[in-house]
Amino acid sequence: MAEGDTRTVQKGTARTEAKFGQGFLTDIWYFAALSSDLRRGRLARHELLGEPVLLGRSNTGELFALRDICPHRAAPLSAGRFHREASGAETVECPYHGWRFRADGGCAAIPSLVDDQAMDVGRIRVRRYPIAESQGLVFVWVGSDPRGLDEPSEPPPVFEGVVGGGPKLVDRMDFDAHIDHAVVGLMDPAHGPYVHQQWWWRSKSSQHEKAKRFEPREQGFAMVRHEPSKNSRAYAILGGEPLTEITFRIPGMRWEHVTVGKRQVLSLTCLTPVSEKKTRITQIVWSDHPAFLFLKPFIAAGARAFLRQDGEMVNLQNQGLKYDPSLLWIDDADRQAKWYQQLKREWTASRREGRPFANPVEAATLKWRS
């Protein structure tokens, strides 16, 4: 059986191992939006792990996330509006019959009820998702309990290198792929000369052997800080002697932290599973480097081209994946893909067994040509 080709099994409320390209990790933080996407007094419909999720920010600034289905007649709560209760609290009013829900998911009122109709409104709930805001990013905790009663066991991730105020670049794209395939494509070190052929990056003729040191990191691993490869010409715009470290963390966050003397660039890519067959890619760049003052349009165009080229390759790959083939993983070029699968298995096992996560990645030097 190919690496990662195990089947989905249910045990209690948590998933055990799933076949590569199926299912999702639970009891973990997922990137959902930028803080700037969620304005006060606004409701927004999102889809996360195949479920409709309402993300909202009250007029007082409180963030919340609820299942975007009214339990009465299934209307989306995100199509409703905020309602201020007599107590001063803000609730979300369903657009169909006006049922109102608090930020914790509890029902606050059913307007059609009359005084002599006995009904415990407080027993009615919609699923509430824990939500957190950190460094201008919004994360949603997706627990294994479908009732949404579980609380996060850890804070959301924090990224070194968020400097220079707000993001300098933001780009988004939906890939028609399961998050597993999107993640492996993101970390694949050998596709660059074939998929990304620009004069300012690298070409097939410039390939050479590379050796990079990797170490375990929190819920993931990192290509430890090093000088960029000489055939990666894009780093030249930063001048000086850049050093870079590339980190991956489950469920789907990869970031590159570049330092040039005291200047920094952080390029964060977040993969958010919309459904089994769609993954949203969000690229965010922060920097205090002066290159972004003068070359931002060119840098943005290059980043956008990269993302679109990866998207085009996903569409090509789907022509083969629709036949559900077994996939062949090789060392060392595919070792990161193997680590990703091991991390997922260990995360699921540790949640199911109620024990601390034990990172299965061991330090290693990987070699490949690109």
Protein backbone atom coordinates (compact mmCIF):
# COMPACT_ATOMS: atom_id res chain seq x y z
CA MET A 1 0.00 0.00 0.00
CA ALA A 2 1.34 3.48 -0.88
CA GLU A 3 2.44 5.89 1.84
CA GLY A 4 -0.63 7.56 3.35
CA ASP A 5 -3.08 5.15 1.75
CA THR A 6 -4.96 4.24 4.93
CA ARG A 7 -8.73 4.32 5.33
CA THR A 8 -11.05 6.47 7.38
CA VAL A 9 -12.30 4.88 10.60
CA GLN A 10 -14.56 6.39 13.25
CA LYS A 11 -13.74 5.86 16.91
CA GLY A 12 -15.67 7.83 19.52
CA THR A 13 -15.95 11.45 18.43
CA ALA A 14 -12.51 11.71 16.81
CA ARG A 15 -11.34 10.50 13.42
CA THR A 16 -8.53 7.99 13.20
CA GLU A 17 -6.25 7.72 10.17
CA ALA A 18 -7.78 8.70 6.84
CA LYS A 19 -6.73 8.04 3.30
CA PHE A 20 -4.50 10.74 1.87
CA GLY A 21 -6.73 13.28 0.15
CA GLN A 22 -9.77 12.59 2.34
CA GLY A 23 -11.04 13.90 5.67
CA PHE A 24 -9.70 16.73 7.82
CA LEU A 25 -7.80 17.24 11.05
CA THR A 26 -9.89 18.36 14.00
CA ASP A 27 -9.13 19.83 17.43
CA ILE A 28 -6.87 22.36 15.75
CA TRP A 29 -6.79 26.00 14.62
CA TYR A 30 -7.57 26.88 11.00
CA PHE A 31 -6.84 30.24 9.41
CA ALA A 32 -10.17 31.80 8.44
CA ALA A 33 -9.69 35.44 7.46
CA LEU A 34 -7.70 38.62 7.91
CA SER A 35 -8.83 40.86 10.75
CA SER A 36 -9.48 43.57 8.17
CA ASP A 37 -11.96 41.27 6.38
CA LEU A 38 -14.31 41.32 9.39
CA ARG A 39 -15.67 44.80 9.96
CA ARG A 40 -17.82 45.87 12.87
CA GLY A 41 -21.52 45.24 12.40
CA ARG A 42 -20.94 42.82 9.52
CA LEU A 43 -21.82 39.16 9.05
CA ALA A 44 -19.97 36.97 6.53
CA ARG A 45 -20.69 33.47 5.26
CA HIS A 46 -17.71 31.14 4.96
CA GLU A 47 -17.33 27.44 4.32
CA LEU A 48 -14.83 25.52 6.46
CA LEU A 49 -14.19 21.78 6.23
CA GLY A 50 -17.37 21.43 4.22
CA GLU A 51 -19.51 23.21 6.83
CA PRO A 52 -21.14 26.66 6.54
CA VAL A 53 -19.68 29.02 9.13
CA LEU A 54 -20.84 32.52 10.00
CA LEU A 55 -18.01 34.86 10.94
CA GLY A 56 -19.13 38.10 12.51
CA ARG A 57 -17.88 41.10 14.41
CA SER A 58 -20.44 42.90 16.56
CA ASN A 59 -20.77 46.66 16.66
CA THR A 60 -18.79 46.56 19.91
CA GLY A 61 -15.95 44.64 18.24
CA GLU A 62 -16.63 41.12 19.55
CA LEU A 63 -15.66 38.35 17.12
CA PHE A 64 -17.69 35.15 16.95
CA ALA A 65 -18.21 32.13 14.71
CA LEU A 66 -21.43 30.10 14.44
CA ARG A 67 -22.75 27.34 12.21
CA ASP A 68 -24.46 29.28 9.46
CA ILE A 69 -27.76 27.39 9.54
CA CYS A 70 -30.77 28.43 11.59
CA PRO A 71 -32.12 25.28 13.35
CA HIS A 72 -35.71 26.35 12.58
CA ARG A 73 -35.92 26.27 8.77
CA ALA A 74 -32.23 26.18 7.72
CA ALA A 75 -31.97 29.79 6.53
CA PRO A 76 -28.39 31.18 6.67
CA LEU A 77 -27.92 33.39 9.70
CA SER A 78 -25.31 35.37 7.77
CA ALA A 79 -28.17 36.79 5.66
CA GLY A 80 -29.68 38.32 8.81
CA ARG A 81 -28.65 41.30 10.87
CA PHE A 82 -27.59 42.34 14.34
CA HIS A 83 -30.30 43.01 16.90
CA ARG A 84 -29.75 44.87 20.15
CA GLU A 85 -31.57 43.22 23.06
CA ALA A 86 -33.13 45.16 25.95
CA SER A 87 -30.10 44.12 28.03
CA GLY A 88 -27.83 45.87 25.54
CA ALA A 89 -26.35 42.61 24.24
CA GLU A 90 -26.14 42.11 20.47
CA THR A 91 -27.65 39.01 18.88
CA VAL A 92 -27.88 37.72 15.31
CA GLU A 93 -31.40 37.77 13.89
CA CYS A 94 -32.37 35.13 11.32
CA PRO A 95 -33.84 36.75 8.17
CA TYR A 96 -36.66 34.17 7.87
CA HIS A 97 -38.59 34.28 11.17
CA GLY A 98 -36.43 36.52 13.33
CA TRP A 99 -35.06 33.87 15.71
CA ARG A 100 -32.16 35.48 17.55
CA PHE A 101 -28.89 33.88 18.65
CA ARG A 102 -26.14 35.02 20.98
CA ALA A 103 -22.44 34.84 20.15
CA ASP A 104 -22.20 31.65 22.25
CA GLY A 105 -24.76 29.93 19.99
CA GLY A 106 -27.65 30.01 22.44
CA CYS A 107 -31.07 31.11 21.28
CA ALA A 108 -32.12 34.42 22.85
CA ALA A 109 -35.62 34.80 21.44
CA ILE A 110 -38.31 33.37 19.14
CA PRO A 111 -40.59 36.30 18.22
CA SER A 112 -43.52 34.12 17.09
CA LEU A 113 -44.03 32.67 20.59
CA VAL A 114 -46.85 34.13 22.71
CA ASP A 115 -46.87 34.45 26.47
CA ASP A 116 -48.82 31.29 27.28
CA GLN A 117 -46.71 29.00 25.07
CA ALA A 118 -44.28 27.16 27.29
CA MET A 119 -40.98 26.58 25.49
CA ASP A 120 -37.46 26.63 26.90
CA VAL A 121 -35.81 28.80 24.26
CA GLY A 122 -32.50 28.51 26.07
CA ARG A 123 -32.22 24.83 25.13
CA ILE A 124 -32.00 25.71 21.43
CA ARG A 125 -28.47 26.20 20.14
CA VAL A 126 -26.43 26.47 16.97
CA ARG A 127 -22.87 25.23 16.96
CA ARG A 128 -20.39 27.79 18.19
CA TYR A 129 -16.77 27.71 17.00
CA PRO A 130 -14.06 29.17 19.24
CA ILE A 131 -12.41 32.07 17.42
CA ALA A 132 -9.22 34.04 18.07
CA GLU A 133 -7.53 37.10 16.60
CA SER A 134 -3.74 37.28 16.54
CA GLN A 135 -1.30 39.46 14.56
CA GLY A 136 -4.08 40.69 12.29
CA LEU A 137 -5.20 37.13 11.50
CA VAL A 138 -8.40 35.33 12.50
CA PHE A 139 -8.32 31.63 13.43
CA VAL A 140 -11.22 29.26 14.05
CA TRP A 141 -10.87 26.19 16.28
CA VAL A 142 -12.59 23.17 14.74
CA GLY A 143 -13.16 20.59 17.45
CA SER A 144 -14.00 16.93 17.04
CA ASP A 145 -17.22 17.35 19.05
CA PRO A 146 -19.93 18.23 16.48
CA ARG A 147 -21.87 20.07 19.20
CA GLY A 148 -19.06 22.61 19.44
CA LEU A 149 -18.76 22.25 23.21
CA ASP A 150 -15.00 21.65 23.31
CA GLU A 151 -12.57 24.50 24.00
CA PRO A 152 -9.14 25.08 22.43
CA SER A 153 -6.32 23.25 24.16
CA GLU A 154 -3.74 25.80 22.99
CA PRO A 155 -3.45 29.37 21.68
CA PRO A 156 -3.40 30.13 17.94
CA PRO A 157 -0.02 30.18 16.15
CA VAL A 158 2.28 33.19 16.34
CA PHE A 159 4.66 34.05 13.49
CA GLU A 160 8.07 35.66 13.83
CA GLY A 161 8.62 38.56 11.45
CA VAL A 162 5.23 40.32 11.45
CA VAL A 163 6.78 43.78 11.03
CA GLY A 164 6.21 47.05 9.23
CA GLY A 165 2.58 47.59 10.21
CA GLY A 166 -0.08 45.83 8.17
CA PRO A 167 0.56 43.35 5.35
CA LYS A 168 2.38 44.66 2.29
CA LEU A 169 0.80 42.06 0.02
CA VAL A 170 -2.29 39.84 0.21
CA ASP A 171 -3.35 37.42 -2.51
CA ARG A 172 -6.03 34.72 -2.50
CA MET A 173 -6.92 31.86 -4.78
CA ASP A 174 -9.08 28.74 -4.55
CA PHE A 175 -7.47 25.48 -5.65
CA ASP A 176 -9.75 22.68 -6.81
CA ALA A 177 -7.99 20.20 -4.56
CA HIS A 178 -8.18 18.60 -1.14
CA ILE A 179 -5.94 20.31 1.41
CA ASP A 180 -3.58 17.29 1.43
CA HIS A 181 -2.72 17.74 -2.24
CA ALA A 182 -2.48 21.52 -1.82
CA VAL A 183 -0.09 21.16 1.13
CA VAL A 184 2.17 18.66 -0.62
CA GLY A 185 2.26 20.86 -3.71
CA LEU A 186 3.17 23.83 -1.55
CA MET A 187 6.15 22.15 0.15
CA ASP A 188 7.39 20.21 -2.91
CA PRO A 189 10.99 21.38 -3.52
CA ALA A 190 11.50 19.84 -6.97
CA HIS A 191 8.70 21.30 -9.09
CA GLY A 192 10.03 24.86 -9.29
CA PRO A 193 12.14 24.62 -12.45
CA TYR A 194 9.25 22.98 -14.32
CA VAL A 195 6.20 24.89 -13.06
CA HIS A 196 7.75 28.29 -12.30
CA GLN A 197 9.86 29.24 -15.30
CA GLN A 198 10.53 32.96 -15.14
CA TRP A 199 13.74 34.78 -15.95
CA TRP A 200 13.74 36.30 -12.48
CA TRP A 201 13.42 32.96 -10.66
CA ARG A 202 15.20 29.92 -12.08
CA SER A 203 15.18 27.67 -15.13
CA LYS A 204 15.59 23.97 -15.84
CA SER A 205 19.13 24.62 -17.11
CA SER A 206 20.20 26.07 -13.74
CA GLN A 207 19.33 23.00 -11.66
CA HIS A 208 21.92 21.70 -9.25
CA GLU A 209 22.11 19.49 -6.19
CA LYS A 210 20.96 21.04 -2.92
CA ALA A 211 21.39 19.93 0.66
CA LYS A 212 19.22 21.53 3.34
CA ARG A 213 19.05 20.90 7.07
CA PHE A 214 15.61 20.30 8.60
CA GLU A 215 14.57 20.25 12.25
CA PRO A 216 11.28 19.63 14.08
CA ARG A 217 9.24 22.67 15.08
CA GLU A 218 5.97 23.14 16.95
CA GLN A 219 3.40 20.94 15.16
CA GLY A 220 5.68 20.80 12.12
CA PHE A 221 9.22 21.26 10.87
CA ALA A 222 11.57 23.86 9.40
CA MET A 223 14.28 24.15 6.80
CA VAL A 224 16.71 25.86 9.16
CA ARG A 225 18.11 29.29 8.44
CA HIS A 226 20.44 29.30 5.45
CA GLU A 227 21.61 31.36 2.47
CA PRO A 228 19.12 31.15 -0.43
CA SER A 229 20.14 29.09 -3.43
CA LYS A 230 22.15 31.00 -6.00
CA ASN A 231 19.68 30.15 -8.77
CA SER A 232 16.79 31.74 -6.83
CA ARG A 233 17.25 35.15 -8.41
CA ALA A 234 14.24 36.82 -6.77
CA TYR A 235 16.22 37.20 -3.53
CA ALA A 236 18.59 39.57 -5.35
CA ILE A 237 16.07 42.44 -5.10
CA LEU A 238 16.60 42.43 -1.32
CA GLY A 239 20.32 43.15 -1.71
CA GLY A 240 22.81 42.43 1.04
CA GLU A 241 23.29 38.88 2.27
CA PRO A 242 19.82 37.42 2.93
CA LEU A 243 19.22 34.45 5.20
CA THR A 244 16.00 32.50 5.13
CA GLU A 245 14.16 29.91 7.21
CA ILE A 246 11.08 28.07 5.89
CA THR A 247 8.65 26.54 8.39
CA PHE A 248 5.58 24.33 8.01
CA ARG A 249 2.90 23.70 10.64
CA ILE A 250 -0.22 21.56 10.47
CA PRO A 251 -2.96 21.79 9.40
CA GLY A 252 -1.67 23.96 6.52
CA MET A 253 0.56 26.94 7.25
CA ARG A 254 3.92 27.56 5.61
CA TRP A 255 6.00 30.65 6.10
CA GLU A 256 9.37 31.95 4.97
CA HIS A 257 11.18 34.39 7.24
CA VAL A 258 13.95 36.28 5.44
CA THR A 259 16.40 38.57 7.21
CA VAL A 260 18.73 41.03 5.49
CA GLY A 261 20.70 42.63 8.27
CA LYS A 262 18.07 44.25 10.50
CA ARG A 263 15.40 44.15 7.77
CA GLN A 264 12.84 41.36 7.59
CA VAL A 265 10.40 39.79 5.17
CA LEU A 266 7.77 37.30 6.28
CA SER A 267 5.82 35.49 3.58
CA LEU A 268 2.99 33.42 5.08
CA THR A 269 0.84 31.01 3.09
CA CYS A 270 -2.29 29.68 4.79
CA LEU A 271 -4.26 26.77 3.37
CA THR A 272 -7.88 26.64 4.48
CA PRO A 273 -10.00 23.61 3.49
CA VAL A 274 -13.29 24.86 2.07
CA SER A 275 -14.52 21.38 1.21
CA GLU A 276 -13.17 17.96 0.23
CA LYS A 277 -12.39 19.30 -3.25
CA LYS A 278 -11.56 22.96 -2.68
CA THR A 279 -8.80 24.67 -0.69
CA ARG A 280 -8.39 28.42 -0.26
CA ILE A 281 -4.84 29.69 -0.50
CA THR A 282 -4.07 33.01 1.21
CA GLN A 283 -0.64 34.57 0.80
CA ILE A 284 0.29 37.40 3.17
CA VAL A 285 3.57 39.32 3.19
CA TRP A 286 4.87 41.67 5.88
CA SER A 287 8.13 43.57 5.59
CA ASP A 288 10.05 46.62 6.73
CA HIS A 289 12.43 46.30 3.77
CA PRO A 290 12.61 49.42 1.53
CA ALA A 291 12.27 47.24 -1.59
CA PHE A 292 8.53 47.12 -0.91
CA LEU A 293 8.34 50.90 -1.19
CA PHE A 294 9.58 50.90 -4.78
CA LEU A 295 9.09 47.40 -6.18
CA LYS A 296 5.78 46.37 -4.61
CA PRO A 297 3.88 46.14 -7.96
CA PHE A 298 6.56 43.87 -9.43
CA ILE A 299 6.81 41.71 -6.30
CA ALA A 300 3.02 41.40 -6.20
CA ALA A 301 2.88 40.41 -9.87
CA GLY A 302 5.53 37.76 -9.34
CA ALA A 303 3.79 36.29 -6.30
CA ARG A 304 0.49 36.26 -8.18
CA ALA A 305 2.10 34.50 -11.16
CA PHE A 306 3.53 31.82 -8.86
CA LEU A 307 0.16 31.14 -7.29
CA ARG A 308 -1.64 30.94 -10.65
CA GLN A 309 0.97 28.56 -12.05
CA ASP A 310 0.50 26.27 -9.06
CA GLY A 311 -3.27 26.46 -9.61
CA GLU A 312 -2.88 25.47 -13.25
CA MET A 313 -0.77 22.48 -12.22
CA VAL A 314 -3.44 21.44 -9.70
CA ASN A 315 -5.97 21.38 -12.54
CA LEU A 316 -3.66 19.17 -14.58
CA GLN A 317 -3.04 16.88 -11.61
CA ASN A 318 -6.79 16.48 -11.13
CA GLN A 319 -6.99 14.77 -14.51
CA GLY A 320 -5.05 11.88 -12.99
CA LEU A 321 -6.39 12.05 -9.44
CA LYS A 322 -9.97 11.46 -10.57
CA TYR A 323 -8.95 7.82 -11.16
CA ASP A 324 -7.87 7.50 -7.48
CA PRO A 325 -4.36 6.17 -8.24
CA SER A 326 -1.86 5.10 -5.62
CA LEU A 327 0.85 7.75 -5.21
CA LEU A 328 4.59 7.06 -5.10
CA TRP A 329 6.72 9.04 -2.63
CA ILE A 330 10.51 9.11 -2.93
CA ASP A 331 13.36 10.28 -0.71
CA ASP A 332 14.61 12.94 -0.28
CA ALA A 333 12.48 15.20 -2.46
CA ASP A 334 9.22 13.84 -0.99
CA ARG A 335 10.37 13.51 2.62
CA GLN A 336 8.47 16.64 3.63
CA ALA A 337 5.29 15.13 2.18
CA LYS A 338 5.89 12.01 4.27
CA TRP A 339 6.47 14.11 7.38
CA TYR A 340 3.18 15.87 6.75
CA GLN A 341 1.34 12.55 6.74
CA GLN A 342 3.16 11.41 9.89
CA LEU A 343 2.29 14.69 11.63
CA LYS A 344 -1.38 14.24 10.76
CA ARG A 345 -1.44 10.67 12.04
CA GLU A 346 0.27 11.60 15.31
CA TRP A 347 -2.00 14.62 15.84
CA THR A 348 -5.11 12.49 15.39
CA ALA A 349 -3.77 9.73 17.64
CA SER A 350 -2.76 12.14 20.41
CA ARG A 351 -6.21 13.78 20.40
CA ARG A 352 -7.96 10.42 20.43
CA GLU A 353 -5.80 9.08 23.26
CA GLY A 354 -5.87 12.27 25.32
CA ARG A 355 -2.10 12.69 25.48
CA PRO A 356 0.43 15.36 24.44
CA PHE A 357 1.40 15.56 20.78
CA ALA A 358 4.81 13.98 20.11
CA ASN A 359 6.40 15.41 16.98
CA PRO A 360 7.48 12.45 14.80
CA VAL A 361 9.90 14.53 12.68
CA GLU A 362 13.59 13.93 13.32
CA ALA A 363 16.37 16.30 12.30
CA ALA A 364 17.84 15.42 8.91
CA THR A 365 19.72 16.80 5.94
CA LEU A 366 17.75 16.29 2.71
CA LYS A 367 19.24 16.37 -0.78
CA TRP A 368 17.59 16.90 -4.16
CA ARG A 369 18.12 18.62 -7.48
CA SER A 370 16.20 21.73 -8.47
